[in-house]
Amino acid sequence: MEKPNYQLYRNTTLGQALQKTLEDLVAEQMIPDSLSRKMMDVFDKSFNKTLPQKAKNKVTFRGDKLRAYRYCDNVWTFIMEGVDFRDAVEGGKVERVKIVACDGSQKGMLSQG
């Protein structure tokens, strides 16, 4: 049985652009809605498979205050204030950030039922 893929990368610039383009194509009846859904599923699967292999940069961060945290269905959500981000080249501080962290290992992904 195939494992489901996290859909949170749909909210990236690339994911939003793909969704908008597919919505336009469906609205103009150039492709069926089923093909649009299939393409988004392929996007999710590809992003979830490729990102751990290709992304090698490391970023550290430290926040002044942890406002809220939650753990549900193998997904951590943190809301932090006064967060300082640093990588090997540069850094910066943001007033507020929401971090969503998912278990990327195959054993951590839920089975479809």
PDB file of N, CA and C in Angstrom:
ATOM      1  N   MET A   1       0.842  -1.175   0.000  1.00  0.00           N
ATOM      2  CA  MET A   1       0.000   0.000   0.000  1.00  0.00           C
ATOM      3  C   MET A   1       0.892   1.244   0.000  1.00  0.00           C
ATOM      4  N   GLU A   2       0.602   2.163  -0.874  1.00  0.00           N
ATOM      5  CA  GLU A   2       1.414   3.374  -0.996  1.00  0.00           C
ATOM      6  C   GLU A   2       1.147   4.320   0.165  1.00  0.00           C
ATOM      7  N   LYS A   3       2.212   4.941   0.656  1.00  0.00           N
ATOM      8  CA  LYS A   3       2.118   5.870   1.783  1.00  0.00           C
ATOM      9  C   LYS A   3       1.635   7.232   1.286  1.00  0.00           C
ATOM     10  N   PRO A   4       0.859   7.962   2.110  1.00  0.00           N
ATOM     11  CA  PRO A   4       0.467   9.317   1.732  1.00  0.00           C
ATOM     12  C   PRO A   4       1.666  10.255   1.850  1.00  0.00           C
ATOM     13  N   ASN A   5       1.602  11.369   1.179  1.00  0.00           N
ATOM     14  CA  ASN A   5       2.682  12.355   1.229  1.00  0.00           C
ATOM     15  C   ASN A   5       2.179  13.625   1.892  1.00  0.00           C
ATOM     16  N   TYR A   6       3.077  14.278   2.641  1.00  0.00           N
ATOM     17  CA  TYR A   6       2.732  15.554   3.244  1.00  0.00           C
ATOM     18  C   TYR A   6       2.445  16.564   2.139  1.00  0.00           C
ATOM     19  N   GLN A   7       1.435  17.409   2.369  1.00  0.00           N
ATOM     20  CA  GLN A   7       1.043  18.402   1.376  1.00  0.00           C
ATOM     21  C   GLN A   7       1.507  19.805   1.740  1.00  0.00           C
ATOM     22  N   LEU A   8       2.361  19.944   2.744  1.00  0.00           N
ATOM     23  CA  LEU A   8       2.704  21.293   3.181  1.00  0.00           C
ATOM     24  C   LEU A   8       3.570  22.059   2.193  1.00  0.00           C
ATOM     25  N   TYR A   9       4.209  21.372   1.249  1.00  0.00           N
ATOM     26  CA  TYR A   9       5.019  22.084   0.258  1.00  0.00           C
ATOM     27  C   TYR A   9       4.149  22.738  -0.809  1.00  0.00           C
ATOM     28  N   ARG A  10       2.848  22.468  -0.794  1.00  0.00           N
ATOM     29  CA  ARG A  10       1.929  23.147  -1.707  1.00  0.00           C
ATOM     30  C   ARG A  10       1.848  24.636  -1.383  1.00  0.00           C
ATOM     31  N   ASN A  11       2.240  25.015  -0.180  1.00  0.00           N
ATOM     32  CA  ASN A  11       2.185  26.415   0.219  1.00  0.00           C
ATOM     33  C   ASN A  11       3.464  27.174  -0.128  1.00  0.00           C
ATOM     34  N   THR A  12       4.421  26.515  -0.789  1.00  0.00           N
ATOM     35  CA  THR A  12       5.617  27.210  -1.266  1.00  0.00           C
ATOM     36  C   THR A  12       5.255  28.023  -2.503  1.00  0.00           C
ATOM     37  N   THR A  13       6.141  28.904  -2.914  1.00  0.00           N
ATOM     38  CA  THR A  13       5.905  29.691  -4.122  1.00  0.00           C
ATOM     39  C   THR A  13       5.688  28.776  -5.321  1.00  0.00           C
ATOM     40  N   LEU A  14       6.504  27.749  -5.433  1.00  0.00           N
ATOM     41  CA  LEU A  14       6.378  26.800  -6.539  1.00  0.00           C
ATOM     42  C   LEU A  14       5.047  26.053  -6.484  1.00  0.00           C
ATOM     43  N   GLY A  15       4.667  25.583  -5.303  1.00  0.00           N
ATOM     44  CA  GLY A  15       3.408  24.856  -5.145  1.00  0.00           C
ATOM     45  C   GLY A  15       2.200  25.726  -5.443  1.00  0.00           C
ATOM     46  N   GLN A  16       2.221  26.971  -4.976  1.00  0.00           N
ATOM     47  CA  GLN A  16       1.107  27.884  -5.230  1.00  0.00           C
ATOM     48  C   GLN A  16       0.987  28.214  -6.711  1.00  0.00           C
ATOM     49  N   ALA A  17       2.129  28.403  -7.377  1.00  0.00           N
ATOM     50  CA  ALA A  17       2.107  28.696  -8.815  1.00  0.00           C
ATOM     51  C   ALA A  17       1.541  27.514  -9.594  1.00  0.00           C
ATOM     52  N   LEU A  18       1.940  26.302  -9.219  1.00  0.00           N
ATOM     53  CA  LEU A  18       1.413  25.115  -9.891  1.00  0.00           C
ATOM     54  C   LEU A  18      -0.086  24.986  -9.661  1.00  0.00           C
ATOM     55  N   GLN A  19      -0.529  25.173  -8.424  1.00  0.00           N
ATOM     56  CA  GLN A  19      -1.961  25.081  -8.126  1.00  0.00           C
ATOM     57  C   GLN A  19      -2.765  26.103  -8.921  1.00  0.00           C
ATOM     58  N   LYS A  20      -2.289  27.336  -8.985  1.00  0.00           N
ATOM     59  CA  LYS A  20      -2.996  28.397  -9.722  1.00  0.00           C
ATOM     60  C   LYS A  20      -3.070  28.064 -11.205  1.00  0.00           C
ATOM     61  N   THR A  21      -1.970  27.587 -11.763  1.00  0.00           N
ATOM     62  CA  THR A  21      -1.944  27.222 -13.183  1.00  0.00           C
ATOM     63  C   THR A  21      -2.922  26.093 -13.467  1.00  0.00           C
ATOM     64  N   LEU A  22      -2.926  25.081 -12.609  1.00  0.00           N
ATOM     65  CA  LEU A  22      -3.844  23.956 -12.801  1.00  0.00           C
ATOM     66  C   LEU A  22      -5.299  24.394 -12.654  1.00  0.00           C
ATOM     67  N   GLU A  23      -5.576  25.272 -11.683  1.00  0.00           N
ATOM     68  CA  GLU A  23      -6.937  25.797 -11.520  1.00  0.00           C
ATOM     69  C   GLU A  23      -7.387  26.536 -12.774  1.00  0.00           C
ATOM     70  N   ASP A  24      -6.488  27.330 -13.363  1.00  0.00           N
ATOM     71  CA  ASP A  24      -6.814  28.047 -14.597  1.00  0.00           C
ATOM     72  C   ASP A  24      -7.099  27.078 -15.741  1.00  0.00           C
ATOM     73  N   LEU A  25      -6.282  26.034 -15.864  1.00  0.00           N
ATOM     74  CA  LEU A  25      -6.485  25.048 -16.932  1.00  0.00           C
ATOM     75  C   LEU A  25      -7.798  24.296 -16.758  1.00  0.00           C
ATOM     76  N   VAL A  26      -8.157  23.986 -15.524  1.00  0.00           N
ATOM     77  CA  VAL A  26      -9.435  23.313 -15.260  1.00  0.00           C
ATOM     78  C   VAL A  26     -10.589  24.259 -15.576  1.00  0.00           C
ATOM     79  N   ALA A  27     -10.474  25.531 -15.158  1.00  0.00           N
ATOM     80  CA  ALA A  27     -11.530  26.517 -15.409  1.00  0.00           C
ATOM     81  C   ALA A  27     -11.758  26.726 -16.902  1.00  0.00           C
ATOM     82  N   GLU A  28     -10.689  26.663 -17.687  1.00  0.00           N
ATOM     83  CA  GLU A  28     -10.799  26.823 -19.141  1.00  0.00           C
ATOM     84  C   GLU A  28     -11.107  25.503 -19.840  1.00  0.00           C
ATOM     85  N   GLN A  29     -11.335  24.453 -19.053  1.00  0.00           N
ATOM     86  CA  GLN A  29     -11.665  23.116 -19.546  1.00  0.00           C
ATOM     87  C   GLN A  29     -10.600  22.556 -20.486  1.00  0.00           C
ATOM     88  N   MET A  30      -9.350  22.897 -20.197  1.00  0.00           N
ATOM     89  CA  MET A  30      -8.241  22.363 -20.989  1.00  0.00           C
ATOM     90  C   MET A  30      -7.764  21.026 -20.425  1.00  0.00           C
ATOM     91  N   ILE A  31      -7.972  20.814 -19.110  1.00  0.00           N
ATOM     92  CA  ILE A  31      -7.671  19.524 -18.481  1.00  0.00           C
ATOM     93  C   ILE A  31      -8.801  19.210 -17.503  1.00  0.00           C
ATOM     94  N   PRO A  32      -9.046  17.928 -17.240  1.00  0.00           N
ATOM     95  CA  PRO A  32     -10.075  17.582 -16.247  1.00  0.00           C
ATOM     96  C   PRO A  32      -9.554  17.778 -14.821  1.00  0.00           C
ATOM     97  N   ASP A  33     -10.472  17.951 -13.896  1.00  0.00           N
ATOM     98  CA  ASP A  33     -10.109  18.144 -12.493  1.00  0.00           C
ATOM     99  C   ASP A  33      -9.340  16.944 -11.948  1.00  0.00           C
ATOM    100  N   SER A  34      -9.664  15.755 -12.411  1.00  0.00           N
ATOM    101  CA  SER A  34      -8.963  14.551 -11.941  1.00  0.00           C
ATOM    102  C   SER A  34      -7.477  14.603 -12.295  1.00  0.00           C
ATOM    103  N   LEU A  35      -7.142  15.149 -13.463  1.00  0.00           N
ATOM    104  CA  LEU A  35      -5.737  15.285 -13.859  1.00  0.00           C
ATOM    105  C   LEU A  35      -5.037  16.320 -12.978  1.00  0.00           C
ATOM    106  N   SER A  36      -5.739  17.393 -12.652  1.00  0.00           N
ATOM    107  CA  SER A  36      -5.180  18.417 -11.768  1.00  0.00           C
ATOM    108  C   SER A  36      -4.836  17.817 -10.405  1.00  0.00           C
ATOM    109  N   ARG A  37      -5.755  17.031  -9.844  1.00  0.00           N
ATOM    110  CA  ARG A  37      -5.498  16.389  -8.545  1.00  0.00           C
ATOM    111  C   ARG A  37      -4.327  15.419  -8.641  1.00  0.00           C
ATOM    112  N   LYS A  38      -4.261  14.655  -9.728  1.00  0.00           N
ATOM    113  CA  LYS A  38      -3.171  13.698  -9.924  1.00  0.00           C
ATOM    114  C   LYS A  38      -1.828  14.431 -10.003  1.00  0.00           C
ATOM    115  N   MET A  39      -1.795  15.567 -10.711  1.00  0.00           N
ATOM    116  CA  MET A  39      -0.554  16.332 -10.835  1.00  0.00           C
ATOM    117  C   MET A  39      -0.106  16.878  -9.477  1.00  0.00           C
ATOM    118  N   MET A  40      -1.049  17.311  -8.645  1.00  0.00           N
ATOM    119  CA  MET A  40      -0.685  17.796  -7.309  1.00  0.00           C
ATOM    120  C   MET A  40      -0.186  16.643  -6.441  1.00  0.00           C
ATOM    121  N   ASP A  41      -0.761  15.459  -6.609  1.00  0.00           N
ATOM    122  CA  ASP A  41      -0.268  14.285  -5.874  1.00  0.00           C
ATOM    123  C   ASP A  41       1.168  13.951  -6.284  1.00  0.00           C
ATOM    124  N   VAL A  42       1.454  14.044  -7.584  1.00  0.00           N
ATOM    125  CA  VAL A  42       2.814  13.790  -8.074  1.00  0.00           C
ATOM    126  C   VAL A  42       3.768  14.857  -7.533  1.00  0.00           C
ATOM    127  N   PHE A  43       3.324  16.114  -7.498  1.00  0.00           N
ATOM    128  CA  PHE A  43       4.128  17.200  -6.925  1.00  0.00           C
ATOM    129  C   PHE A  43       4.473  16.887  -5.466  1.00  0.00           C
ATOM    130  N   ASP A  44       3.455  16.494  -4.673  1.00  0.00           N
ATOM    131  CA  ASP A  44       3.684  16.160  -3.261  1.00  0.00           C
ATOM    132  C   ASP A  44       4.701  15.035  -3.127  1.00  0.00           C
ATOM    133  N   LYS A  45       4.508  13.976  -3.886  1.00  0.00           N
ATOM    134  CA  LYS A  45       5.391  12.813  -3.809  1.00  0.00           C
ATOM    135  C   LYS A  45       6.822  13.190  -4.202  1.00  0.00           C
ATOM    136  N   SER A  46       6.963  13.940  -5.285  1.00  0.00           N
ATOM    137  CA  SER A  46       8.287  14.334  -5.771  1.00  0.00           C
ATOM    138  C   SER A  46       8.998  15.244  -4.777  1.00  0.00           C
ATOM    139  N   PHE A  47       8.282  16.219  -4.239  1.00  0.00           N
ATOM    140  CA  PHE A  47       8.878  17.152  -3.287  1.00  0.00           C
ATOM    141  C   PHE A  47       9.336  16.413  -2.035  1.00  0.00           C
ATOM    142  N   ASN A  48       8.470  15.539  -1.508  1.00  0.00           N
ATOM    143  CA  ASN A  48       8.805  14.781  -0.299  1.00  0.00           C
ATOM    144  C   ASN A  48       9.970  13.833  -0.517  1.00  0.00           C
ATOM    145  N   LYS A  49      10.128  13.316  -1.723  1.00  0.00           N
ATOM    146  CA  LYS A  49      11.223  12.392  -2.025  1.00  0.00           C
ATOM    147  C   LYS A  49      12.535  13.135  -2.291  1.00  0.00           C
ATOM    148  N   THR A  50      12.460  14.247  -3.018  1.00  0.00           N
ATOM    149  CA  THR A  50      13.649  14.951  -3.484  1.00  0.00           C
ATOM    150  C   THR A  50      14.275  15.863  -2.431  1.00  0.00           C
ATOM    151  N   LEU A  51      13.471  16.544  -1.655  1.00  0.00           N
ATOM    152  CA  LEU A  51      13.999  17.531  -0.712  1.00  0.00           C
ATOM    153  C   LEU A  51      15.046  16.955   0.244  1.00  0.00           C
ATOM    154  N   PRO A  52      14.803  15.803   0.881  1.00  0.00           N
ATOM    155  CA  PRO A  52      15.837  15.275   1.787  1.00  0.00           C
ATOM    156  C   PRO A  52      17.138  14.900   1.075  1.00  0.00           C
ATOM    157  N   GLN A  53      17.056  14.562  -0.208  1.00  0.00           N
ATOM    158  CA  GLN A  53      18.247  14.165  -0.958  1.00  0.00           C
ATOM    159  C   GLN A  53      19.042  15.370  -1.449  1.00  0.00           C
ATOM    160  N   LYS A  54      18.372  16.442  -1.806  1.00  0.00           N
ATOM    161  CA  LYS A  54      19.024  17.581  -2.458  1.00  0.00           C
ATOM    162  C   LYS A  54      19.336  18.750  -1.527  1.00  0.00           C
ATOM    163  N   ALA A  55      18.527  18.967  -0.511  1.00  0.00           N
ATOM    164  CA  ALA A  55      18.740  20.115   0.380  1.00  0.00           C
ATOM    165  C   ALA A  55      19.786  19.759   1.428  1.00  0.00           C
ATOM    166  N   LYS A  56      20.931  20.398   1.351  1.00  0.00           N
ATOM    167  CA  LYS A  56      22.029  20.085   2.269  1.00  0.00           C
ATOM    168  C   LYS A  56      22.392  21.247   3.188  1.00  0.00           C
ATOM    169  N   ASN A  57      21.819  22.425   2.961  1.00  0.00           N
ATOM    170  CA  ASN A  57      22.130  23.575   3.805  1.00  0.00           C
ATOM    171  C   ASN A  57      21.525  23.402   5.187  1.00  0.00           C
ATOM    172  N   LYS A  58      22.236  23.877   6.180  1.00  0.00           N
ATOM    173  CA  LYS A  58      21.748  23.809   7.556  1.00  0.00           C
ATOM    174  C   LYS A  58      21.502  25.225   8.061  1.00  0.00           C
ATOM    175  N   VAL A  59      20.430  25.386   8.803  1.00  0.00           N
ATOM    176  CA  VAL A  59      20.069  26.667   9.388  1.00  0.00           C
ATOM    177  C   VAL A  59      19.852  26.449  10.882  1.00  0.00           C
ATOM    178  N   THR A  60      20.381  27.364  11.669  1.00  0.00           N
ATOM    179  CA  THR A  60      20.111  27.324  13.105  1.00  0.00           C
ATOM    180  C   THR A  60      19.223  28.508  13.455  1.00  0.00           C
ATOM    181  N   PHE A  61      18.449  28.349  14.505  1.00  0.00           N
ATOM    182  CA  PHE A  61      17.597  29.452  14.936  1.00  0.00           C
ATOM    183  C   PHE A  61      17.437  29.418  16.444  1.00  0.00           C
ATOM    184  N   ARG A  62      17.205  30.594  16.990  1.00  0.00           N
ATOM    185  CA  ARG A  62      16.975  30.734  18.426  1.00  0.00           C
ATOM    186  C   ARG A  62      15.925  31.819  18.610  1.00  0.00           C
ATOM    187  N   GLY A  63      14.916  31.503  19.398  1.00  0.00           N
ATOM    188  CA  GLY A  63      13.836  32.448  19.628  1.00  0.00           C
ATOM    189  C   GLY A  63      13.861  33.018  21.031  1.00  0.00           C
ATOM    190  N   ASP A  64      13.338  34.233  21.164  1.00  0.00           N
ATOM    191  CA  ASP A  64      13.223  34.853  22.481  1.00  0.00           C
ATOM    192  C   ASP A  64      12.108  34.196  23.294  1.00  0.00           C
ATOM    193  N   LYS A  65      11.034  33.799  22.592  1.00  0.00           N
ATOM    194  CA  LYS A  65       9.885  33.259  23.313  1.00  0.00           C
ATOM    195  C   LYS A  65       9.149  32.229  22.464  1.00  0.00           C
ATOM    196  N   LEU A  66       8.821  31.100  23.081  1.00  0.00           N
ATOM    197  CA  LEU A  66       7.980  30.086  22.450  1.00  0.00           C
ATOM    198  C   LEU A  66       6.547  30.370  22.883  1.00  0.00           C
ATOM    199  N   ARG A  67       5.721  30.842  21.946  1.00  0.00           N
ATOM    200  CA  ARG A  67       4.347  31.233  22.254  1.00  0.00           C
ATOM    201  C   ARG A  67       3.413  30.032  22.368  1.00  0.00           C
ATOM    202  N   ALA A  68       3.588  29.057  21.473  1.00  0.00           N
ATOM    203  CA  ALA A  68       2.699  27.893  21.477  1.00  0.00           C
ATOM    204  C   ALA A  68       3.390  26.732  20.786  1.00  0.00           C
ATOM    205  N   TYR A  69       2.997  25.538  21.169  1.00  0.00           N
ATOM    206  CA  TYR A  69       3.483  24.343  20.483  1.00  0.00           C
ATOM    207  C   TYR A  69       2.384  23.287  20.510  1.00  0.00           C
ATOM    208  N   ARG A  70       2.430  22.409  19.510  1.00  0.00           N
ATOM    209  CA  ARG A  70       1.426  21.355  19.414  1.00  0.00           C
ATOM    210  C   ARG A  70       2.029  20.167  18.687  1.00  0.00           C
ATOM    211  N   TYR A  71       1.637  18.969  19.095  1.00  0.00           N
ATOM    212  CA  TYR A  71       2.056  17.740  18.423  1.00  0.00           C
ATOM    213  C   TYR A  71       0.801  16.931  18.125  1.00  0.00           C
ATOM    214  N   CYS A  72       0.551  16.671  16.849  1.00  0.00           N
ATOM    215  CA  CYS A  72      -0.633  15.919  16.444  1.00  0.00           C
ATOM    216  C   CYS A  72      -0.319  15.159  15.163  1.00  0.00           C
ATOM    217  N   ASP A  73      -0.609  13.879  15.124  1.00  0.00           N
ATOM    218  CA  ASP A  73      -0.416  13.043  13.931  1.00  0.00           C
ATOM    219  C   ASP A  73       1.006  13.127  13.383  1.00  0.00           C
ATOM    220  N   ASN A  74       2.004  13.016  14.250  1.00  0.00           N
ATOM    221  CA  ASN A  74       3.420  13.060  13.864  1.00  0.00           C
ATOM    222  C   ASN A  74       3.845  14.406  13.279  1.00  0.00           C
ATOM    223  N   VAL A  75       3.119  15.465  13.591  1.00  0.00           N
ATOM    224  CA  VAL A  75       3.458  16.805  13.095  1.00  0.00           C
ATOM    225  C   VAL A  75       3.591  17.750  14.288  1.00  0.00           C
ATOM    226  N   TRP A  76       4.754  18.381  14.415  1.00  0.00           N
ATOM    227  CA  TRP A  76       4.995  19.403  15.430  1.00  0.00           C
ATOM    228  C   TRP A  76       4.720  20.772  14.826  1.00  0.00           C
ATOM    229  N   THR A  77       4.072  21.643  15.593  1.00  0.00           N
ATOM    230  CA  THR A  77       3.860  23.034  15.199  1.00  0.00           C
ATOM    231  C   THR A  77       4.348  23.922  16.340  1.00  0.00           C
ATOM    232  N   PHE A  78       5.206  24.877  16.007  1.00  0.00           N
ATOM    233  CA  PHE A  78       5.747  25.817  16.991  1.00  0.00           C
ATOM    234  C   PHE A  78       5.460  27.242  16.518  1.00  0.00           C
ATOM    235  N   ILE A  79       5.061  28.110  17.424  1.00  0.00           N
ATOM    236  CA  ILE A  79       4.938  29.539  17.130  1.00  0.00           C
ATOM    237  C   ILE A  79       5.908  30.251  18.063  1.00  0.00           C
ATOM    238  N   MET A  80       6.869  30.946  17.452  1.00  0.00           N
ATOM    239  CA  MET A  80       7.938  31.589  18.217  1.00  0.00           C
ATOM    240  C   MET A  80       8.000  33.078  17.898  1.00  0.00           C
ATOM    241  N   GLU A  81       8.521  33.838  18.855  1.00  0.00           N
ATOM    242  CA  GLU A  81       8.705  35.279  18.673  1.00  0.00           C
ATOM    243  C   GLU A  81      10.172  35.635  18.835  1.00  0.00           C
ATOM    244  N   GLY A  82      10.582  36.695  18.130  1.00  0.00           N
ATOM    245  CA  GLY A  82      11.957  37.176  18.215  1.00  0.00           C
ATOM    246  C   GLY A  82      12.956  36.113  17.807  1.00  0.00           C
ATOM    247  N   VAL A  83      12.788  35.577  16.619  1.00  0.00           N
ATOM    248  CA  VAL A  83      13.601  34.439  16.186  1.00  0.00           C
ATOM    249  C   VAL A  83      14.765  34.906  15.319  1.00  0.00           C
ATOM    250  N   ASP A  84      15.957  34.483  15.705  1.00  0.00           N
ATOM    251  CA  ASP A  84      17.187  34.796  14.981  1.00  0.00           C
ATOM    252  C   ASP A  84      17.589  33.558  14.175  1.00  0.00           C
ATOM    253  N   PHE A  85      17.624  33.689  12.842  1.00  0.00           N
ATOM    254  CA  PHE A  85      18.021  32.600  11.948  1.00  0.00           C
ATOM    255  C   PHE A  85      19.449  32.831  11.476  1.00  0.00           C
ATOM    256  N   ARG A  86      20.237  31.767  11.374  1.00  0.00           N
ATOM    257  CA  ARG A  86      21.621  31.847  10.887  1.00  0.00           C
ATOM    258  C   ARG A  86      21.922  30.654  10.002  1.00  0.00           C
ATOM    259  N   ASP A  87      22.652  30.919   8.920  1.00  0.00           N
ATOM    260  CA  ASP A  87      23.223  29.831   8.121  1.00  0.00           C
ATOM    261  C   ASP A  87      24.706  30.130   7.950  1.00  0.00           C
ATOM    262  N   ALA A  88      25.376  29.419   7.077  1.00  0.00           N
ATOM    263  CA  ALA A  88      26.823  29.588   6.913  1.00  0.00           C
ATOM    264  C   ALA A  88      27.190  30.965   6.369  1.00  0.00           C
ATOM    265  N   VAL A  89      26.277  31.637   5.676  1.00  0.00           N
ATOM    266  CA  VAL A  89      26.587  32.891   4.999  1.00  0.00           C
ATOM    267  C   VAL A  89      26.010  34.115   5.700  1.00  0.00           C
ATOM    268  N   GLU A  90      24.754  34.041   6.109  1.00  0.00           N
ATOM    269  CA  GLU A  90      24.108  35.224   6.661  1.00  0.00           C
ATOM    270  C   GLU A  90      23.103  34.850   7.739  1.00  0.00           C
ATOM    271  N   GLY A  91      22.495  35.866   8.304  1.00  0.00           N
ATOM    272  CA  GLY A  91      21.490  35.651   9.333  1.00  0.00           C
ATOM    273  C   GLY A  91      20.508  36.792   9.361  1.00  0.00           C
ATOM    274  N   GLY A  92      19.490  36.639  10.157  1.00  0.00           N
ATOM    275  CA  GLY A  92      18.499  37.689  10.277  1.00  0.00           C
ATOM    276  C   GLY A  92      17.502  37.357  11.364  1.00  0.00           C
ATOM    277  N   LYS A  93      16.805  38.384  11.808  1.00  0.00           N
ATOM    278  CA  LYS A  93      15.837  38.208  12.881  1.00  0.00           C
ATOM    279  C   LYS A  93      14.447  38.534  12.357  1.00  0.00           C
ATOM    280  N   VAL A  94      13.470  37.713  12.765  1.00  0.00           N
ATOM    281  CA  VAL A  94      12.076  37.958  12.405  1.00  0.00           C
ATOM    282  C   VAL A  94      11.260  38.086  13.685  1.00  0.00           C
ATOM    283  N   GLU A  95      10.185  38.862  13.594  1.00  0.00           N
ATOM    284  CA  GLU A  95       9.362  39.136  14.767  1.00  0.00           C
ATOM    285  C   GLU A  95       8.601  37.896  15.233  1.00  0.00           C
ATOM    286  N   ARG A  96       8.019  37.168  14.283  1.00  0.00           N
ATOM    287  CA  ARG A  96       7.206  35.997  14.640  1.00  0.00           C
ATOM    288  C   ARG A  96       7.315  34.964  13.532  1.00  0.00           C
ATOM    289  N   VAL A  97       7.368  33.684  13.921  1.00  0.00           N
ATOM    290  CA  VAL A  97       7.483  32.621  12.927  1.00  0.00           C
ATOM    291  C   VAL A  97       6.684  31.404  13.380  1.00  0.00           C
ATOM    292  N   LYS A  98       6.113  30.716  12.394  1.00  0.00           N
ATOM    293  CA  LYS A  98       5.424  29.449  12.642  1.00  0.00           C
ATOM    294  C   LYS A  98       6.239  28.359  11.961  1.00  0.00           C
ATOM    295  N   ILE A  99       6.633  27.363  12.726  1.00  0.00           N
ATOM    296  CA  ILE A  99       7.428  26.260  12.195  1.00  0.00           C
ATOM    297  C   ILE A  99       6.585  24.995  12.254  1.00  0.00           C
ATOM    298  N   VAL A 100       6.471  24.312  11.116  1.00  0.00           N
ATOM    299  CA  VAL A 100       5.769  23.032  11.040  1.00  0.00           C
ATOM    300  C   VAL A 100       6.808  21.982  10.688  1.00  0.00           C
ATOM    301  N   ALA A 101       6.963  20.992  11.548  1.00  0.00           N
ATOM    302  CA  ALA A 101       7.976  19.951  11.354  1.00  0.00           C
ATOM    303  C   ALA A 101       7.295  18.589  11.291  1.00  0.00           C
ATOM    304  N   CYS A 102       7.575  17.854  10.215  1.00  0.00           N
ATOM    305  CA  CYS A 102       6.977  16.539   9.995  1.00  0.00           C
ATOM    306  C   CYS A 102       8.056  15.475   9.997  1.00  0.00           C
ATOM    307  N   ASP A 103       7.701  14.284  10.422  1.00  0.00           N
ATOM    308  CA  ASP A 103       8.611  13.144  10.385  1.00  0.00           C
ATOM    309  C   ASP A 103       8.782  12.736   8.928  1.00  0.00           C
ATOM    310  N   GLY A 104       9.982  12.897   8.409  1.00  0.00           N
ATOM    311  CA  GLY A 104      10.237  12.596   7.002  1.00  0.00           C
ATOM    312  C   GLY A 104      10.598  11.159   6.727  1.00  0.00           C
ATOM    313  N   SER A 105      10.775  10.352   7.760  1.00  0.00           N
ATOM    314  CA  SER A 105      11.132   8.952   7.529  1.00  0.00           C
ATOM    315  C   SER A 105       9.906   8.166   7.085  1.00  0.00           C
ATOM    316  N   GLN A 106      10.133   7.092   6.359  1.00  0.00           N
ATOM    317  CA  GLN A 106       9.030   6.279   5.867  1.00  0.00           C
ATOM    318  C   GLN A 106       8.235   5.662   7.013  1.00  0.00           C
ATOM    319  N   LYS A 107       8.897   5.300   8.108  1.00  0.00           N
ATOM    320  CA  LYS A 107       8.182   4.694   9.233  1.00  0.00           C
ATOM    321  C   LYS A 107       7.271   5.697   9.930  1.00  0.00           C
ATOM    322  N   GLY A 108       7.564   6.990   9.786  1.00  0.00           N
ATOM    323  CA  GLY A 108       6.758   8.006  10.445  1.00  0.00           C
ATOM    324  C   GLY A 108       5.527   8.412   9.666  1.00  0.00           C
ATOM    325  N   MET A 109       5.431   7.997   8.429  1.00  0.00           N
ATOM    326  CA  MET A 109       4.294   8.388   7.611  1.00  0.00           C
ATOM    327  C   MET A 109       3.142   7.424   7.849  1.00  0.00           C
ATOM    328  N   LEU A 110       1.944   7.969   7.960  1.00  0.00           N
ATOM    329  CA  LEU A 110       0.767   7.165   8.253  1.00  0.00           C
ATOM    330  C   LEU A 110       0.328   6.363   7.039  1.00  0.00           C
ATOM    331  N   SER A 111      -0.200   5.193   7.272  1.00  0.00           N
ATOM    332  CA  SER A 111      -0.734   4.370   6.185  1.00  0.00           C
ATOM    333  C   SER A 111      -2.110   4.873   5.801  1.00  0.00           C
ATOM    334  N   GLN A 112      -2.415   4.765   4.529  1.00  0.00           N
ATOM    335  CA  GLN A 112      -3.750   5.110   4.068  1.00  0.00           C
ATOM    336  C   GLN A 112      -4.695   4.009   4.492  1.00  0.00           C
ATOM    337  N   GLY A 113      -5.891   4.384   4.871  1.00  0.00           N
ATOM    338  CA  GLY A 113      -6.828   3.367   5.320  1.00  0.00           C
ATOM    339  C   GLY A 113      -8.133   3.424   4.630  1.00  0.00           C
TER     340      GLY A 113
END
